[in-house]
Amino acid sequence: MKFSKISHIFTIILCMAISLPATWAQGNRDYMRETGKIYVVVGVILLIFLGIVWQLVRLDRSLTKIEHQLNDDKNEWKN
């Protein structure tokens, strides 16, 4: 019983938190463009995206290296 009440309250708060910024942003849609800050936002998003891609490439290389090591170890045990 308590869990369902907490779940409903959390859902309502989450919906409000998601909808409020959209409501506030409708007042002046071109504010970021007018002030030139949109380029800063785009730059930050681009840097975050490139960082994530870089991390994934590093992770893939590491996993490939470990897979090759495991395959080599298996082949040594067979011989």
PDB file of N, CA and C in Angstrom:
ATOM      1  N   MET A   1       0.821  -1.194   0.000  1.00  0.00           N
ATOM      2  CA  MET A   1       0.000   0.000   0.000  1.00  0.00           C
ATOM      3  C   MET A   1       0.860   1.251   0.000  1.00  0.00           C
ATOM      4  N   LYS A   2       1.847   1.296   0.872  1.00  0.00           N
ATOM      5  CA  LYS A   2       2.707   2.469   0.942  1.00  0.00           C
ATOM      6  C   LYS A   2       3.513   2.623  -0.338  1.00  0.00           C
ATOM      7  N   PHE A   3       3.955   1.500  -0.893  1.00  0.00           N
ATOM      8  CA  PHE A   3       4.776   1.557  -2.096  1.00  0.00           C
ATOM      9  C   PHE A   3       4.001   2.151  -3.259  1.00  0.00           C
ATOM     10  N   SER A   4       2.727   1.798  -3.393  1.00  0.00           N
ATOM     11  CA  SER A   4       1.943   2.323  -4.511  1.00  0.00           C
ATOM     12  C   SER A   4       1.704   3.822  -4.354  1.00  0.00           C
ATOM     13  N   LYS A   5       1.489   4.294  -3.112  1.00  0.00           N
ATOM     14  CA  LYS A   5       1.325   5.730  -2.895  1.00  0.00           C
ATOM     15  C   LYS A   5       2.607   6.473  -3.244  1.00  0.00           C
ATOM     16  N   ILE A   6       3.734   5.936  -2.805  1.00  0.00           N
ATOM     17  CA  ILE A   6       5.018   6.561  -3.093  1.00  0.00           C
ATOM     18  C   ILE A   6       5.275   6.541  -4.596  1.00  0.00           C
ATOM     19  N   SER A   7       4.913   5.453  -5.232  1.00  0.00           N
ATOM     20  CA  SER A   7       5.098   5.334  -6.674  1.00  0.00           C
ATOM     21  C   SER A   7       4.250   6.365  -7.414  1.00  0.00           C
ATOM     22  N   HIS A   8       3.020   6.553  -7.006  1.00  0.00           N
ATOM     23  CA  HIS A   8       2.151   7.532  -7.652  1.00  0.00           C
ATOM     24  C   HIS A   8       2.666   8.954  -7.429  1.00  0.00           C
ATOM     25  N   ILE A   9       3.090   9.253  -6.231  1.00  0.00           N
ATOM     26  CA  ILE A   9       3.627  10.580  -5.934  1.00  0.00           C
ATOM     27  C   ILE A   9       4.884  10.838  -6.752  1.00  0.00           C
ATOM     28  N   PHE A  10       5.757   9.857  -6.827  1.00  0.00           N
ATOM     29  CA  PHE A  10       6.989   9.998  -7.602  1.00  0.00           C
ATOM     30  C   PHE A  10       6.678  10.209  -9.082  1.00  0.00           C
ATOM     31  N   THR A  11       5.693   9.499  -9.601  1.00  0.00           N
ATOM     32  CA  THR A  11       5.301   9.642 -11.006  1.00  0.00           C
ATOM     33  C   THR A  11       4.773  11.047 -11.281  1.00  0.00           C
ATOM     34  N   ILE A  12       3.960  11.566 -10.388  1.00  0.00           N
ATOM     35  CA  ILE A  12       3.421  12.920 -10.558  1.00  0.00           C
ATOM     36  C   ILE A  12       4.535  13.948 -10.529  1.00  0.00           C
ATOM     37  N   ILE A  13       5.445  13.817  -9.579  1.00  0.00           N
ATOM     38  CA  ILE A  13       6.566  14.764  -9.487  1.00  0.00           C
ATOM     39  C   ILE A  13       7.439  14.675 -10.724  1.00  0.00           C
ATOM     40  N   LEU A  14       7.684  13.482 -11.214  1.00  0.00           N
ATOM     41  CA  LEU A  14       8.496  13.302 -12.412  1.00  0.00           C
ATOM     42  C   LEU A  14       7.838  13.948 -13.625  1.00  0.00           C
ATOM     43  N   CYS A  15       6.555  13.759 -13.782  1.00  0.00           N
ATOM     44  CA  CYS A  15       5.839  14.378 -14.909  1.00  0.00           C
ATOM     45  C   CYS A  15       5.887  15.899 -14.825  1.00  0.00           C
ATOM     46  N   MET A  16       5.739  16.445 -13.630  1.00  0.00           N
ATOM     47  CA  MET A  16       5.814  17.887 -13.462  1.00  0.00           C
ATOM     48  C   MET A  16       7.215  18.401 -13.779  1.00  0.00           C
ATOM     49  N   ALA A  17       8.222  17.671 -13.336  1.00  0.00           N
ATOM     50  CA  ALA A  17       9.598  18.100 -13.577  1.00  0.00           C
ATOM     51  C   ALA A  17       9.947  18.070 -15.058  1.00  0.00           C
ATOM     52  N   ILE A  18       9.351  17.145 -15.790  1.00  0.00           N
ATOM     53  CA  ILE A  18       9.620  17.056 -17.225  1.00  0.00           C
ATOM     54  C   ILE A  18       8.866  18.149 -17.982  1.00  0.00           C
ATOM     55  N   SER A  19       7.667  18.468 -17.572  1.00  0.00           N
ATOM     56  CA  SER A  19       6.845  19.411 -18.320  1.00  0.00           C
ATOM     57  C   SER A  19       7.155  20.876 -18.007  1.00  0.00           C
ATOM     58  N   LEU A  20       7.672  21.188 -16.846  1.00  0.00           N
ATOM     59  CA  LEU A  20       7.920  22.582 -16.492  1.00  0.00           C
ATOM     60  C   LEU A  20       8.937  23.277 -17.393  1.00  0.00           C
ATOM     61  N   PRO A  21      10.112  22.684 -17.660  1.00  0.00           N
ATOM     62  CA  PRO A  21      11.051  23.387 -18.543  1.00  0.00           C
ATOM     63  C   PRO A  21      10.489  23.637 -19.931  1.00  0.00           C
ATOM     64  N   ALA A  22       9.686  22.718 -20.441  1.00  0.00           N
ATOM     65  CA  ALA A  22       9.077  22.916 -21.761  1.00  0.00           C
ATOM     66  C   ALA A  22       8.110  24.098 -21.724  1.00  0.00           C
ATOM     67  N   THR A  23       7.392  24.255 -20.635  1.00  0.00           N
ATOM     68  CA  THR A  23       6.458  25.367 -20.491  1.00  0.00           C
ATOM     69  C   THR A  23       7.213  26.686 -20.403  1.00  0.00           C
ATOM     70  N   TRP A  24       8.291  26.719 -19.657  1.00  0.00           N
ATOM     71  CA  TRP A  24       9.077  27.943 -19.517  1.00  0.00           C
ATOM     72  C   TRP A  24       9.753  28.329 -20.827  1.00  0.00           C
ATOM     73  N   ALA A  25      10.165  27.353 -21.603  1.00  0.00           N
ATOM     74  CA  ALA A  25      10.908  27.636 -22.829  1.00  0.00           C
ATOM     75  C   ALA A  25      10.023  28.213 -23.924  1.00  0.00           C
ATOM     76  N   GLN A  26       8.714  28.074 -23.831  1.00  0.00           N
ATOM     77  CA  GLN A  26       7.834  28.556 -24.882  1.00  0.00           C
ATOM     78  C   GLN A  26       7.690  30.070 -24.877  1.00  0.00           C
ATOM     79  N   GLY A  27       8.083  30.716 -23.801  1.00  0.00           N
ATOM     80  CA  GLY A  27       7.943  32.160 -23.709  1.00  0.00           C
ATOM     81  C   GLY A  27       8.769  32.889 -24.754  1.00  0.00           C
ATOM     82  N   ASN A  28      10.051  32.581 -24.870  1.00  0.00           N
ATOM     83  CA  ASN A  28      10.919  33.241 -25.830  1.00  0.00           C
ATOM     84  C   ASN A  28      11.788  32.173 -26.470  1.00  0.00           C
ATOM     85  N   ARG A  29      11.360  31.639 -27.584  1.00  0.00           N
ATOM     86  CA  ARG A  29      12.019  30.499 -28.195  1.00  0.00           C
ATOM     87  C   ARG A  29      13.378  30.838 -28.793  1.00  0.00           C
ATOM     88  N   ASP A  30      13.582  32.064 -29.224  1.00  0.00           N
ATOM     89  CA  ASP A  30      14.824  32.429 -29.896  1.00  0.00           C
ATOM     90  C   ASP A  30      15.834  33.104 -28.970  1.00  0.00           C
ATOM     91  N   TYR A  31      15.641  33.013 -27.686  1.00  0.00           N
ATOM     92  CA  TYR A  31      16.543  33.681 -26.747  1.00  0.00           C
ATOM     93  C   TYR A  31      17.980  33.199 -26.905  1.00  0.00           C
ATOM     94  N   MET A  32      18.166  31.886 -27.014  1.00  0.00           N
ATOM     95  CA  MET A  32      19.515  31.348 -27.123  1.00  0.00           C
ATOM     96  C   MET A  32      20.171  31.782 -28.432  1.00  0.00           C
ATOM     97  N   ARG A  33      19.408  31.857 -29.498  1.00  0.00           N
ATOM     98  CA  ARG A  33      19.965  32.305 -30.775  1.00  0.00           C
ATOM     99  C   ARG A  33      20.291  33.789 -30.749  1.00  0.00           C
ATOM    100  N   GLU A  34      19.406  34.564 -30.152  1.00  0.00           N
ATOM    101  CA  GLU A  34      19.605  36.011 -30.109  1.00  0.00           C
ATOM    102  C   GLU A  34      20.856  36.389 -29.324  1.00  0.00           C
ATOM    103  N   THR A  35      21.109  35.674 -28.250  1.00  0.00           N
ATOM    104  CA  THR A  35      22.266  35.998 -27.412  1.00  0.00           C
ATOM    105  C   THR A  35      23.529  35.297 -27.870  1.00  0.00           C
ATOM    106  N   GLY A  36      23.423  34.380 -28.818  1.00  0.00           N
ATOM    107  CA  GLY A  36      24.596  33.683 -29.329  1.00  0.00           C
ATOM    108  C   GLY A  36      25.040  32.517 -28.453  1.00  0.00           C
ATOM    109  N   LYS A  37      24.262  32.176 -27.452  1.00  0.00           N
ATOM    110  CA  LYS A  37      24.640  31.098 -26.536  1.00  0.00           C
ATOM    111  C   LYS A  37      24.307  29.716 -27.081  1.00  0.00           C
ATOM    112  N   ILE A  38      23.534  29.683 -28.172  1.00  0.00           N
ATOM    113  CA  ILE A  38      23.176  28.387 -28.750  1.00  0.00           C
ATOM    114  C   ILE A  38      24.430  27.662 -29.220  1.00  0.00           C
ATOM    115  N   TYR A  39      25.433  28.413 -29.672  1.00  0.00           N
ATOM    116  CA  TYR A  39      26.665  27.795 -30.140  1.00  0.00           C
ATOM    117  C   TYR A  39      27.440  27.161 -28.991  1.00  0.00           C
ATOM    118  N   VAL A  40      27.339  27.764 -27.828  1.00  0.00           N
ATOM    119  CA  VAL A  40      27.978  27.179 -26.647  1.00  0.00           C
ATOM    120  C   VAL A  40      27.289  25.866 -26.288  1.00  0.00           C
ATOM    121  N   VAL A  41      25.972  25.855 -26.334  1.00  0.00           N
ATOM    122  CA  VAL A  41      25.214  24.654 -26.017  1.00  0.00           C
ATOM    123  C   VAL A  41      25.542  23.541 -27.013  1.00  0.00           C
ATOM    124  N   VAL A  42      25.554  23.886 -28.293  1.00  0.00           N
ATOM    125  CA  VAL A  42      25.866  22.900 -29.320  1.00  0.00           C
ATOM    126  C   VAL A  42      27.293  22.387 -29.144  1.00  0.00           C
ATOM    127  N   GLY A  43      28.222  23.270 -28.812  1.00  0.00           N
ATOM    128  CA  GLY A  43      29.608  22.861 -28.586  1.00  0.00           C
ATOM    129  C   GLY A  43      29.750  21.901 -27.421  1.00  0.00           C
ATOM    130  N   VAL A  44      29.056  22.179 -26.338  1.00  0.00           N
ATOM    131  CA  VAL A  44      29.127  21.308 -25.168  1.00  0.00           C
ATOM    132  C   VAL A  44      28.518  19.945 -25.483  1.00  0.00           C
ATOM    133  N   ILE A  45      27.389  19.941 -26.163  1.00  0.00           N
ATOM    134  CA  ILE A  45      26.769  18.664 -26.538  1.00  0.00           C
ATOM    135  C   ILE A  45      27.684  17.878 -27.458  1.00  0.00           C
ATOM    136  N   LEU A  46      28.336  18.559 -28.395  1.00  0.00           N
ATOM    137  CA  LEU A  46      29.263  17.898 -29.310  1.00  0.00           C
ATOM    138  C   LEU A  46      30.451  17.307 -28.554  1.00  0.00           C
ATOM    139  N   LEU A  47      30.994  18.058 -27.589  1.00  0.00           N
ATOM    140  CA  LEU A  47      32.109  17.537 -26.789  1.00  0.00           C
ATOM    141  C   LEU A  47      31.701  16.315 -25.974  1.00  0.00           C
ATOM    142  N   ILE A  48      30.517  16.355 -25.398  1.00  0.00           N
ATOM    143  CA  ILE A  48      30.037  15.205 -24.627  1.00  0.00           C
ATOM    144  C   ILE A  48      29.874  13.996 -25.536  1.00  0.00           C
ATOM    145  N   PHE A  49      29.290  14.194 -26.718  1.00  0.00           N
ATOM    146  CA  PHE A  49      29.097  13.101 -27.660  1.00  0.00           C
ATOM    147  C   PHE A  49      30.437  12.514 -28.104  1.00  0.00           C
ATOM    148  N   LEU A  50      31.391  13.381 -28.426  1.00  0.00           N
ATOM    149  CA  LEU A  50      32.712  12.901 -28.848  1.00  0.00           C
ATOM    150  C   LEU A  50      33.416  12.154 -27.711  1.00  0.00           C
ATOM    151  N   GLY A  51      33.238  12.606 -26.480  1.00  0.00           N
ATOM    152  CA  GLY A  51      33.817  11.907 -25.335  1.00  0.00           C
ATOM    153  C   GLY A  51      33.228  10.518 -25.168  1.00  0.00           C
ATOM    154  N   ILE A  52      31.936  10.400 -25.350  1.00  0.00           N
ATOM    155  CA  ILE A  52      31.294   9.088 -25.239  1.00  0.00           C
ATOM    156  C   ILE A  52      31.784   8.163 -26.349  1.00  0.00           C
ATOM    157  N   VAL A  53      31.876   8.679 -27.573  1.00  0.00           N
ATOM    158  CA  VAL A  53      32.364   7.865 -28.690  1.00  0.00           C
ATOM    159  C   VAL A  53      33.799   7.423 -28.436  1.00  0.00           C
ATOM    160  N   TRP A  54      34.627   8.325 -27.938  1.00  0.00           N
ATOM    161  CA  TRP A  54      36.031   8.006 -27.643  1.00  0.00           C
ATOM    162  C   TRP A  54      36.127   6.903 -26.584  1.00  0.00           C
ATOM    163  N   GLN A  55      35.311   7.003 -25.542  1.00  0.00           N
ATOM    164  CA  GLN A  55      35.298   5.973 -24.505  1.00  0.00           C
ATOM    165  C   GLN A  55      34.869   4.621 -25.070  1.00  0.00           C
ATOM    166  N   LEU A  56      33.867   4.609 -25.943  1.00  0.00           N
ATOM    167  CA  LEU A  56      33.405   3.356 -26.535  1.00  0.00           C
ATOM    168  C   LEU A  56      34.474   2.730 -27.424  1.00  0.00           C
ATOM    169  N   VAL A  57      35.199   3.548 -28.164  1.00  0.00           N
ATOM    170  CA  VAL A  57      36.272   3.017 -29.013  1.00  0.00           C
ATOM    171  C   VAL A  57      37.372   2.414 -28.150  1.00  0.00           C
ATOM    172  N   ARG A  58      37.748   3.105 -27.077  1.00  0.00           N
ATOM    173  CA  ARG A  58      38.770   2.571 -26.167  1.00  0.00           C
ATOM    174  C   ARG A  58      38.316   1.265 -25.537  1.00  0.00           C
ATOM    175  N   LEU A  59      37.051   1.207 -25.126  1.00  0.00           N
ATOM    176  CA  LEU A  59      36.511  -0.001 -24.515  1.00  0.00           C
ATOM    177  C   LEU A  59      36.512  -1.161 -25.507  1.00  0.00           C
ATOM    178  N   ASP A  60      36.139  -0.879 -26.751  1.00  0.00           N
ATOM    179  CA  ASP A  60      36.129  -1.915 -27.774  1.00  0.00           C
ATOM    180  C   ASP A  60      37.534  -2.451 -28.023  1.00  0.00           C
ATOM    181  N   ARG A  61      38.516  -1.565 -28.083  1.00  0.00           N
ATOM    182  CA  ARG A  61      39.901  -2.006 -28.285  1.00  0.00           C
ATOM    183  C   ARG A  61      40.384  -2.873 -27.117  1.00  0.00           C
ATOM    184  N   SER A  62      40.043  -2.448 -25.911  1.00  0.00           N
ATOM    185  CA  SER A  62      40.457  -3.219 -24.733  1.00  0.00           C
ATOM    186  C   SER A  62      39.821  -4.602 -24.731  1.00  0.00           C
ATOM    187  N   LEU A  63      38.532  -4.653 -25.045  1.00  0.00           N
ATOM    188  CA  LEU A  63      37.844  -5.941 -25.061  1.00  0.00           C
ATOM    189  C   LEU A  63      38.384  -6.846 -26.163  1.00  0.00           C
ATOM    190  N   THR A  64      38.709  -6.270 -27.316  1.00  0.00           N
ATOM    191  CA  THR A  64      39.280  -7.061 -28.399  1.00  0.00           C
ATOM    192  C   THR A  64      40.630  -7.636 -27.982  1.00  0.00           C
ATOM    193  N   LYS A  65      41.422  -6.831 -27.308  1.00  0.00           N
ATOM    194  CA  LYS A  65      42.736  -7.284 -26.831  1.00  0.00           C
ATOM    195  C   LYS A  65      42.576  -8.430 -25.833  1.00  0.00           C
ATOM    196  N   ILE A  66      41.635  -8.301 -24.910  1.00  0.00           N
ATOM    197  CA  ILE A  66      41.397  -9.348 -23.913  1.00  0.00           C
ATOM    198  C   ILE A  66      40.881 -10.618 -24.578  1.00  0.00           C
ATOM    199  N   GLU A  67      40.002 -10.469 -25.580  1.00  0.00           N
ATOM    200  CA  GLU A  67      39.499 -11.646 -26.294  1.00  0.00           C
ATOM    201  C   GLU A  67      40.633 -12.390 -26.996  1.00  0.00           C
ATOM    202  N   HIS A  68      41.545 -11.655 -27.613  1.00  0.00           N
ATOM    203  CA  HIS A  68      42.683 -12.290 -28.279  1.00  0.00           C
ATOM    204  C   HIS A  68      43.577 -13.013 -27.264  1.00  0.00           C
ATOM    205  N   GLN A  69      43.769 -12.401 -26.102  1.00  0.00           N
ATOM    206  CA  GLN A  69      44.573 -13.037 -25.057  1.00  0.00           C
ATOM    207  C   GLN A  69      43.906 -14.326 -24.585  1.00  0.00           C
ATOM    208  N   LEU A  70      42.592 -14.307 -24.414  1.00  0.00           N
ATOM    209  CA  LEU A  70      41.882 -15.508 -23.974  1.00  0.00           C
ATOM    210  C   LEU A  70      41.955 -16.603 -25.027  1.00  0.00           C
ATOM    211  N   ASN A  71      41.814 -16.230 -26.294  1.00  0.00           N
ATOM    212  CA  ASN A  71      41.915 -17.222 -27.361  1.00  0.00           C
ATOM    213  C   ASN A  71      43.314 -17.824 -27.423  1.00  0.00           C
ATOM    214  N   ASP A  72      44.342 -17.016 -27.219  1.00  0.00           N
ATOM    215  CA  ASP A  72      45.710 -17.518 -27.210  1.00  0.00           C
ATOM    216  C   ASP A  72      45.932 -18.471 -26.047  1.00  0.00           C
ATOM    217  N   ASP A  73      45.378 -18.126 -24.868  1.00  0.00           N
ATOM    218  CA  ASP A  73      45.510 -18.995 -23.693  1.00  0.00           C
ATOM    219  C   ASP A  73      44.813 -20.333 -23.917  1.00  0.00           C
ATOM    220  N   LYS A  74      43.652 -20.315 -24.570  1.00  0.00           N
ATOM    221  CA  LYS A  74      42.920 -21.549 -24.847  1.00  0.00           C
ATOM    222  C   LYS A  74      43.724 -22.434 -25.805  1.00  0.00           C
ATOM    223  N   ASN A  75      44.340 -21.823 -26.799  1.00  0.00           N
ATOM    224  CA  ASN A  75      45.132 -22.578 -27.763  1.00  0.00           C
ATOM    225  C   ASN A  75      46.370 -23.183 -27.101  1.00  0.00           C
ATOM    226  N   GLU A  76      46.968 -22.480 -26.142  1.00  0.00           N
ATOM    227  CA  GLU A  76      48.120 -23.019 -25.432  1.00  0.00           C
ATOM    228  C   GLU A  76      47.735 -24.233 -24.597  1.00  0.00           C
ATOM    229  N   TRP A  77      46.538 -24.191 -23.987  1.00  0.00           N
ATOM    230  CA  TRP A  77      46.096 -25.324 -23.157  1.00  0.00           C
ATOM    231  C   TRP A  77      45.801 -26.555 -24.004  1.00  0.00           C
ATOM    232  N   LYS A  78      45.354 -26.333 -25.244  1.00  0.00           N
ATOM    233  CA  LYS A  78      45.047 -27.471 -26.118  1.00  0.00           C
ATOM    234  C   LYS A  78      46.315 -28.173 -26.584  1.00  0.00           C
ATOM    235  N   ASN A  79      47.388 -27.418 -26.754  1.00  0.00           N
ATOM    236  CA  ASN A  79      48.638 -28.008 -27.242  1.00  0.00           C
ATOM    237  C   ASN A  79      49.301 -28.697 -26.120  1.00  0.00           C
TER     238      ASN A  79
END
